[in-house]
Protein backbone atom coordinates (compact mmCIF):
# COMPACT_ATOMS: atom_id res chain seq x y z
CA MET A 1 -21.98 25.87 -1.91
CA LEU A 2 -25.41 27.21 -0.92
CA ILE A 3 -25.49 31.01 -0.69
CA PRO A 4 -27.72 32.43 2.10
CA PHE A 5 -30.66 34.62 1.15
CA TYR A 6 -29.28 37.67 2.99
CA LEU A 7 -26.07 37.46 0.96
CA ILE A 8 -28.05 37.32 -2.28
CA THR A 9 -29.93 40.42 -1.14
CA LEU A 10 -26.63 42.14 -0.32
CA LEU A 11 -25.26 41.30 -3.78
CA ASP A 12 -28.43 42.64 -5.39
CA LEU A 13 -28.08 45.87 -3.42
CA SER A 14 -24.40 46.11 -4.36
CA PHE A 15 -25.31 45.71 -8.03
CA TYR A 16 -27.75 48.65 -7.97
CA ILE A 17 -25.41 50.87 -5.93
CA LEU A 18 -22.52 50.28 -8.33
CA LEU A 19 -24.73 50.74 -11.38
CA LEU A 20 -26.24 53.96 -10.02
CA THR A 21 -22.75 55.25 -9.22
CA GLY A 22 -21.69 54.70 -12.82
CA VAL A 23 -24.76 56.57 -14.10
CA VAL A 24 -24.21 59.50 -11.71
CA ILE A 25 -20.55 59.86 -12.68
CA PHE A 26 -21.53 59.61 -16.36
CA ILE A 27 -23.95 62.52 -15.92
CA ARG A 28 -21.21 64.52 -14.21
CA MET A 29 -18.80 63.67 -17.04
CA ILE A 30 -21.25 65.01 -19.63
CA GLN A 31 -21.99 68.16 -17.61
CA LYS A 32 -18.33 69.04 -17.01
CA LYS A 33 -16.99 67.54 -20.26
CA MET A 34 -14.55 65.46 -18.21
CA ILE A 35 -13.83 62.71 -20.73
CA ASN A 36 -11.23 61.18 -18.39
CA LEU A 37 -14.12 60.03 -16.15
CA LEU A 38 -15.31 57.60 -18.84
CA GLY A 39 -12.95 54.92 -17.55
CA LEU A 40 -14.37 55.31 -14.04
CA VAL A 41 -17.93 55.11 -15.41
CA LEU A 42 -17.13 51.84 -17.20
CA PHE A 43 -15.42 50.50 -14.08
CA PHE A 44 -18.49 50.90 -11.86
CA ILE A 45 -20.92 49.56 -14.47
CA LEU A 46 -18.76 46.54 -15.31
CA TYR A 47 -17.97 45.92 -11.65
CA ALA A 48 -21.72 45.91 -10.96
CA ILE A 49 -22.20 43.19 -13.58
CA GLN A 50 -19.27 41.26 -12.13
CA THR A 51 -20.70 41.49 -8.59
CA ASN A 52 -24.14 40.15 -9.47
CA PRO A 53 -24.45 39.17 -13.15
CA PRO A 54 -27.94 39.65 -14.67
CA THR A 55 -29.51 36.34 -15.65
CA PHE A 56 -30.09 37.42 -19.25
CA LEU A 57 -26.35 37.85 -19.93
CA PRO A 58 -24.55 34.79 -21.34
CA GLU A 59 -21.71 33.45 -19.19
CA TYR A 60 -18.99 34.21 -21.74
CA LEU A 61 -20.05 37.87 -21.81
CA VAL A 62 -19.97 38.11 -18.01
CA PHE A 63 -16.42 36.73 -17.98
CA THR A 64 -15.42 39.15 -20.74
CA PHE A 65 -16.75 42.10 -18.74
CA ALA A 66 -14.88 40.81 -15.67
CA TYR A 67 -11.58 40.87 -17.56
CA ILE A 68 -12.25 44.32 -19.04
CA THR A 69 -13.13 45.89 -15.65
CA PRO A 70 -9.59 46.47 -14.32
CA PHE A 71 -8.49 47.90 -17.68
CA SER A 72 -11.21 50.55 -17.52
CA LEU A 73 -9.87 51.76 -14.17
CA VAL A 74 -6.30 51.74 -15.51
CA PHE A 75 -7.30 54.04 -18.39
CA PHE A 76 -9.07 56.35 -15.93
CA ILE A 77 -5.87 56.60 -13.87
CA LYS A 78 -3.77 57.19 -16.97
CA PHE A 79 -5.88 60.02 -18.41
CA THR A 80 -6.55 61.62 -15.03
CA PHE A 81 -3.11 61.59 -13.42
CA TYR A 82 -0.61 60.95 -16.23
CA ARG A 83 -1.97 62.68 -19.32
CA ASN A 84 0.84 63.73 -21.69
CA ARG A 85 3.58 62.34 -19.47
CA LYS A 86 5.45 59.11 -18.96
CA SER A 87 4.21 56.63 -16.36
CA THR A 88 4.13 52.94 -15.54
CA PHE A 89 0.98 52.62 -17.68
CA PRO A 90 2.57 50.20 -20.23
CA PHE A 91 3.90 48.02 -17.39
CA ILE A 92 0.47 47.94 -15.70
CA ILE A 93 -1.26 46.97 -18.95
CA ALA A 94 1.33 44.27 -19.70
CA SER A 95 1.04 42.89 -16.16
CA LEU A 96 -2.76 42.67 -16.42
CA VAL A 97 -2.57 40.91 -19.78
CA VAL A 98 -0.13 38.30 -18.44
CA LEU A 99 -2.13 37.73 -15.24
CA ILE A 100 -5.43 37.39 -17.11
CA ILE A 101 -3.93 34.93 -19.59
CA LEU A 102 -2.60 32.87 -16.67
CA GLU A 103 -6.01 32.92 -14.99
CA ILE A 104 -7.79 31.81 -18.16
CA LEU A 105 -5.32 28.96 -18.72
CA LEU A 106 -5.68 27.74 -15.13
CA LYS A 107 -9.46 28.06 -15.22
CA LEU A 108 -9.75 26.11 -18.46
CA SER A 109 -7.30 23.44 -17.28
CA PHE A 110 -8.73 22.80 -13.82
CA GLN A 111 -12.20 24.43 -13.78
CA PHE A 112 -11.33 26.36 -10.62
CA GLN A 113 -13.95 28.39 -8.78
CA PRO A 114 -12.16 30.42 -6.07
CA GLY A 115 -13.37 29.68 -2.55
CA PHE A 116 -16.54 27.87 -3.64
CA ALA A 117 -14.90 24.77 -5.12
CA TYR A 118 -11.74 23.84 -3.26
CA PRO A 119 -9.90 21.21 -5.33
CA SER A 120 -10.60 17.67 -4.16
CA ASN A 121 -7.46 16.40 -5.85
CA PRO A 122 -4.39 17.23 -3.67
CA ASN A 123 -2.25 17.36 -6.80
CA GLU A 124 -4.24 20.38 -7.99
CA LEU A 125 -3.68 22.38 -4.79
CA PRO A 126 -0.48 24.17 -5.96
CA PHE A 127 -2.24 25.28 -9.14
CA PHE A 128 -5.27 26.40 -7.12
CA ILE A 129 -3.01 28.57 -4.95
CA ILE A 130 -1.44 30.10 -8.07
CA TYR A 131 -4.93 30.71 -9.45
CA ILE A 132 -6.07 32.63 -6.36
CA VAL A 133 -2.85 34.65 -6.21
CA VAL A 134 -3.13 35.54 -9.89
CA ARG A 135 -6.73 36.72 -9.45
CA SER A 136 -5.79 38.80 -6.41
CA LEU A 137 -2.78 40.37 -8.12
CA GLN A 138 -4.92 41.67 -10.98
CA TRP A 139 -6.77 44.04 -8.68
CA LEU A 140 -3.86 44.63 -6.33
CA VAL A 141 -1.68 45.98 -9.15
CA VAL A 142 -4.40 48.38 -10.31
CA MET A 143 -5.48 49.59 -6.85
CA VAL A 144 -1.94 50.14 -5.62
CA TRP A 145 -1.22 52.22 -8.73
CA TYR A 146 -4.43 54.18 -8.17
CA SER A 147 -3.51 54.80 -4.54
CA ILE A 148 0.05 55.88 -5.35
CA SER A 149 -1.20 58.21 -8.10
CA VAL A 150 -3.75 59.87 -5.81
CA PHE A 151 -1.33 60.37 -2.91
CA ARG A 152 1.33 61.80 -5.25
CA SER A 153 -1.24 64.24 -6.57
CA TYR A 154 -2.32 65.13 -3.05
CA SER A 155 1.27 65.85 -2.03
CA VAL A 156 1.38 68.44 -4.82
CA PHE A 157 -2.10 69.91 -4.40
CA ARG A 158 -1.73 70.57 -0.68
CA LYS A 159 1.09 73.02 -1.47
CA ILE A 160 -0.98 74.94 -4.04
CA ASP A 161 -3.32 77.80 -3.15
CA ILE A 162 -6.60 76.17 -4.21
CA PRO A 163 -9.88 75.42 -2.37
CA ALA A 164 -9.26 73.00 0.49
CA TRP A 165 -12.05 70.68 -0.68
CA LEU A 166 -10.06 69.76 -3.78
CA LYS A 167 -7.17 68.70 -1.54
CA VAL A 168 -9.37 66.75 0.88
CA ARG A 169 -11.08 65.00 -2.01
CA TYR A 170 -7.81 63.46 -3.19
CA LEU A 171 -6.93 62.46 0.37
CA LEU A 172 -10.27 60.66 0.80
CA VAL A 173 -9.95 58.86 -2.53
CA GLY A 174 -6.41 57.81 -1.64
CA ILE A 175 -7.46 56.36 1.71
CA SER A 176 -10.43 54.46 0.25
CA THR A 177 -8.26 53.07 -2.54
CA LEU A 178 -5.62 51.96 -0.04
CA ILE A 179 -8.31 50.12 1.96
CA PHE A 180 -9.55 48.50 -1.27
CA SER A 181 -5.97 47.34 -1.91
CA ILE A 182 -5.81 45.74 1.54
CA ASP A 183 -9.17 44.08 0.90
CA THR A 184 -7.84 42.71 -2.39
CA SER A 185 -4.83 41.27 -0.59
CA LEU A 186 -7.14 39.50 1.86
CA SER A 187 -8.76 37.60 -1.01
CA ILE A 188 -5.63 35.43 -1.04
CA LEU A 189 -7.10 33.87 2.12
CA LEU A 190 -9.46 31.99 -0.18
CA ILE A 191 -6.67 29.41 -0.57
CA ILE A 192 -7.53 28.21 2.95
CA ASN A 193 -9.97 25.34 2.74
CA ASP A 194 -11.88 26.20 5.94
CA PHE A 195 -11.93 29.95 5.28
CA ASN A 196 -15.32 31.56 5.88
CA VAL A 197 -16.18 32.62 2.33
CA ILE A 198 -19.57 34.06 3.29
CA LEU A 199 -18.04 36.33 5.91
CA PHE A 200 -15.40 37.46 3.43
CA LEU A 201 -18.02 38.27 0.77
CA ILE A 202 -20.01 40.33 3.27
CA TYR A 203 -16.89 42.23 4.32
CA ALA A 204 -15.83 42.76 0.70
CA SER A 205 -19.28 44.04 -0.23
CA ILE A 206 -19.22 46.58 2.59
CA VAL A 207 -15.69 47.80 1.86
CA ASP A 208 -15.74 47.64 -1.95
CA VAL A 209 -19.26 48.89 -2.50
CA LEU A 210 -20.16 51.15 0.40
CA LEU A 211 -16.82 52.76 1.25
CA PHE A 212 -15.01 52.86 -2.10
CA THR A 213 -18.14 53.74 -4.07
CA ALA A 214 -19.34 56.40 -1.64
CA VAL A 215 -15.98 58.16 -1.54
CA ASN A 216 -15.52 58.10 -5.32
CA VAL A 217 -19.02 59.29 -6.14
CA VAL A 218 -18.72 62.18 -3.66
CA ALA A 219 -15.21 63.04 -4.85
CA TRP A 220 -15.76 62.85 -8.61
CA ALA A 221 -19.48 63.44 -9.08
CA ILE A 222 -21.36 64.95 -6.13
CA PRO A 223 -19.28 67.34 -3.99
CA PHE A 224 -21.96 68.17 -1.41
CA LYS A 225 -22.07 71.85 -0.46
CA ALA A 226 -22.04 71.05 3.26
CA LEU A 227 -18.73 69.22 2.91
CA ILE A 228 -17.29 71.92 0.67
CA GLN A 229 -18.24 74.68 3.07
CA PHE A 230 -16.83 72.72 6.01
CA PHE A 231 -13.41 72.24 4.44
CA ASN A 232 -13.32 75.61 2.66
CA ARG A 233 -13.57 77.60 5.88
CA GLU A 234 -11.23 80.37 4.82
CA PRO A 235 -13.07 83.13 2.86
CA ARG A 236 -10.58 83.09 -0.02
CA GLU A 237 -11.22 79.38 -0.53
CA THR A 238 -14.97 79.32 -1.04
CA LEU A 239 -16.27 77.88 -4.28
CA GLU A 240 -18.68 80.80 -4.53
CA ASP A 241 -15.74 83.18 -4.88
CA VAL A 242 -13.55 80.99 -7.08
CA LYS A 243 -14.84 79.78 -10.44
CA GLU A 244 -14.06 76.17 -11.25
CA ILE A 245 -12.32 77.06 -14.49
CA GLU A 246 -10.09 79.49 -12.61
CA VAL A 247 -9.14 76.75 -10.16
CA LEU A 248 -8.32 74.36 -13.00
CA GLU A 249 -6.17 76.92 -14.79
CA LYS A 250 -4.36 77.79 -11.58
CA VAL A 251 -3.57 74.16 -10.82
CA LYS A 252 -2.49 73.48 -14.39
CA SER A 253 -0.12 76.45 -14.35
CA GLU A 254 1.42 75.24 -11.10
CA LEU A 255 1.80 71.73 -12.47
CA LYS A 256 3.40 72.98 -15.68
CA ARG A 257 5.91 74.92 -13.63
CA ASP A 258 6.83 72.06 -11.29
CA ASN A 259 5.75 69.19 -13.65
CA PRO A 260 5.32 66.71 -10.80
CA ILE A 261 2.20 64.90 -12.00
CA GLY A 262 1.51 66.24 -15.46
CA ASN A 263 -1.51 68.15 -16.77
CA SER A 264 -4.29 66.09 -15.26
CA LYS A 265 -7.79 67.53 -15.16
CA LEU A 266 -9.60 68.11 -11.93
CA ASN A 267 -13.25 68.01 -11.21
CA GLY A 268 -14.65 70.61 -8.81
């Protein structure tokens, strides 16, 4: 299938946006010593490579990075929201391993390329459908867990006396992650032979790259002062009056008392 020039340009732009996001979050991680952000850094860098692989990378390495990408986000979720407490982390890891093994077996057996190479042999159609569903489930499992984790955290944080921006940040991340989950579900439409793949790729690039990336980079790396001041309208909730370390200690003490989401670190 011939890819239009404008789509190639969009993929190139997506690559640089994702890569830059990973670098910016990495800098923030070093500045704030937020080691839990390492998984998110790896996610954006590996997702950039997956979106538009550099020509100098061998194909086997690109596929390896593609399979590692969801695991990096899973580890970010684990060490951000479920540090030192039980969670569905082992189940998520086991599910990803099973799904990836199934994808590899189907890919090696039938040489499937989702959307771009619909099987010409009708006998392969059931396996092609399974292949697309398996690929979609890999991201759906991770993004749904991310969304649930964020909204659970938000339900706790909104009851705690902390700067409003910290609460809004989790709400924004939760919404963007939920939209990403819906987008992932739509990829199942690739099983339709006449489905407009180009239109889907454009939509996915806008949602996955622009929305999800923008929200996460603002939430975890660059909390713009204008946004902070807008949401922190009450005098007692200004970041100028409340030191970040004091906010973190306050939240941690509340979480230890109620123990609803564990001792996850926050980033101001």
